[in-house]
Protein backbone atom coordinates (compact mmCIF):
# COMPACT_ATOMS: atom_id res chain seq x y z
CA UNK A 1 0.00 0.00 0.00
CA UNK A 2 1.36 3.42 -0.89
CA UNK A 3 1.90 6.23 1.55
CA UNK A 4 -0.93 8.80 1.31
CA UNK A 5 1.60 11.59 2.01
CA UNK A 6 3.93 10.56 -0.80
CA UNK A 7 4.44 13.72 -2.83
CA UNK A 8 7.13 15.27 -4.98
CA UNK A 9 7.11 18.51 -6.91
CA UNK A 10 9.70 19.38 -9.52
CA UNK A 11 10.19 22.72 -11.24
CA UNK A 12 11.45 23.48 -14.72
CA UNK A 13 11.85 26.89 -16.37
CA UNK A 14 10.22 27.39 -19.75
CA UNK A 15 10.70 30.23 -22.26
CA UNK A 16 7.35 31.71 -21.16
CA UNK A 17 7.41 30.92 -17.43
CA UNK A 18 7.63 27.81 -15.29
CA UNK A 19 6.37 24.23 -15.37
CA UNK A 20 5.81 22.13 -12.26
CA UNK A 21 5.22 18.41 -12.07
CA UNK A 22 3.21 17.20 -9.09
CA UNK A 23 3.67 13.48 -8.43
CA UNK A 24 1.89 11.52 -5.75
CA UNK A 25 -0.94 12.51 -3.44
CA UNK A 26 -2.20 16.09 -3.04
CA UNK A 27 -4.01 16.18 0.28
CA UNK A 28 -4.17 18.32 3.42
CA UNK A 29 -0.50 17.84 4.30
CA UNK A 30 1.08 17.89 0.85
CA UNK A 31 -1.03 20.74 -0.54
CA UNK A 32 0.99 23.12 1.64
CA UNK A 33 4.19 22.23 -0.22
CA UNK A 34 2.45 22.69 -3.58
CA UNK A 35 1.04 26.03 -2.47
CA UNK A 36 4.45 27.24 -1.31
CA UNK A 37 6.03 26.43 -4.69
CA UNK A 38 3.24 28.01 -6.73
CA UNK A 39 3.17 31.14 -4.55
CA UNK A 40 6.94 31.52 -4.99
CA UNK A 41 6.52 31.41 -8.77
CA UNK A 42 3.81 34.06 -8.62
CA UNK A 43 5.93 36.24 -6.33
CA UNK A 44 8.83 35.91 -8.78
CA UNK A 45 6.60 37.36 -11.50
CA UNK A 46 6.20 34.22 -13.60
CA UNK A 47 3.57 34.95 -16.26
CA UNK A 48 2.85 31.38 -17.38
CA UNK A 49 2.51 28.59 -14.83
CA UNK A 50 1.87 25.04 -15.99
CA UNK A 51 1.12 22.25 -13.53
CA UNK A 52 1.74 18.77 -14.96
CA UNK A 53 -0.49 16.34 -13.07
CA UNK A 54 0.14 13.21 -15.11
CA UNK A 55 1.66 11.44 -12.08
CA UNK A 56 -0.77 12.79 -9.49
CA UNK A 57 -2.46 9.87 -7.73
CA UNK A 58 -5.06 11.81 -5.71
CA UNK A 59 -6.42 15.35 -5.53
CA UNK A 60 -8.46 16.41 -2.50
CA UNK A 61 -10.34 19.62 -1.81
CA UNK A 62 -7.15 21.03 -0.26
CA UNK A 63 -5.41 20.70 -3.63
CA UNK A 64 -8.38 22.19 -5.44
CA UNK A 65 -8.17 25.22 -3.14
CA UNK A 66 -4.49 25.70 -4.06
CA UNK A 67 -5.24 25.33 -7.77
CA UNK A 68 -8.08 27.86 -7.66
CA UNK A 69 -6.07 30.33 -5.60
CA UNK A 70 -3.13 30.07 -8.02
CA UNK A 71 -5.39 30.45 -11.05
CA UNK A 72 -7.14 33.55 -9.65
CA UNK A 73 -3.89 35.20 -8.55
CA UNK A 74 -2.18 34.46 -11.86
CA UNK A 75 -5.05 35.90 -13.91
CA UNK A 76 -5.24 38.98 -11.65
CA UNK A 77 -1.53 39.59 -12.35
CA UNK A 78 -2.05 39.26 -16.12
CA UNK A 79 -0.67 35.74 -16.35
CA UNK A 80 -1.95 32.26 -17.08
CA UNK A 81 -2.25 29.04 -15.09
CA UNK A 82 -3.01 25.70 -16.71
CA UNK A 83 -3.05 22.05 -15.78
CA UNK A 84 -1.25 19.75 -18.19
CA UNK A 85 -1.82 16.02 -18.73
CA UNK A 86 -4.05 15.30 -15.74
CA UNK A 87 -4.15 11.69 -14.56
CA UNK A 88 -7.55 10.01 -14.87
CA UNK A 89 -8.16 10.55 -11.14
CA UNK A 90 -7.37 14.26 -11.41
CA UNK A 91 -9.42 14.60 -14.58
CA UNK A 92 -12.46 13.14 -12.80
CA UNK A 93 -12.03 15.48 -9.80
CA UNK A 94 -11.70 18.48 -12.12
CA UNK A 95 -14.86 17.48 -14.01
CA UNK A 96 -16.84 17.01 -10.79
CA UNK A 97 -15.55 20.39 -9.57
CA UNK A 98 -16.39 22.05 -12.92
CA UNK A 99 -12.74 23.06 -13.38
CA UNK A 100 -11.90 21.24 -16.60
CA UNK A 101 -11.41 24.63 -18.28
CA UNK A 102 -8.03 24.78 -16.51
CA UNK A 103 -6.70 21.81 -18.50
CA UNK A 104 -4.26 22.82 -21.23
CA UNK A 105 -5.47 21.63 -24.61
């Protein structure tokens, strides 16, 4: 059985901004780490933030809060925030939450 607090976030610069990959479980405990990384990118003035969720195993309401907060802050600062390659679990949560518009096409 996997650890429900297993989480890793990696960051990669892109020509337009920054791309993060969130692997593992995004829950109450791990969402704080994700939030810290995304807030740092916003504070640094990144205009395009992409969150790759292809290896995300679970997304709880705590993670949804972080995603919404990042999206709203990014747009307010004239930037963009998109989710890339959501896992099937994440895709289902986004659909239920009516947030599929955040998925990069």
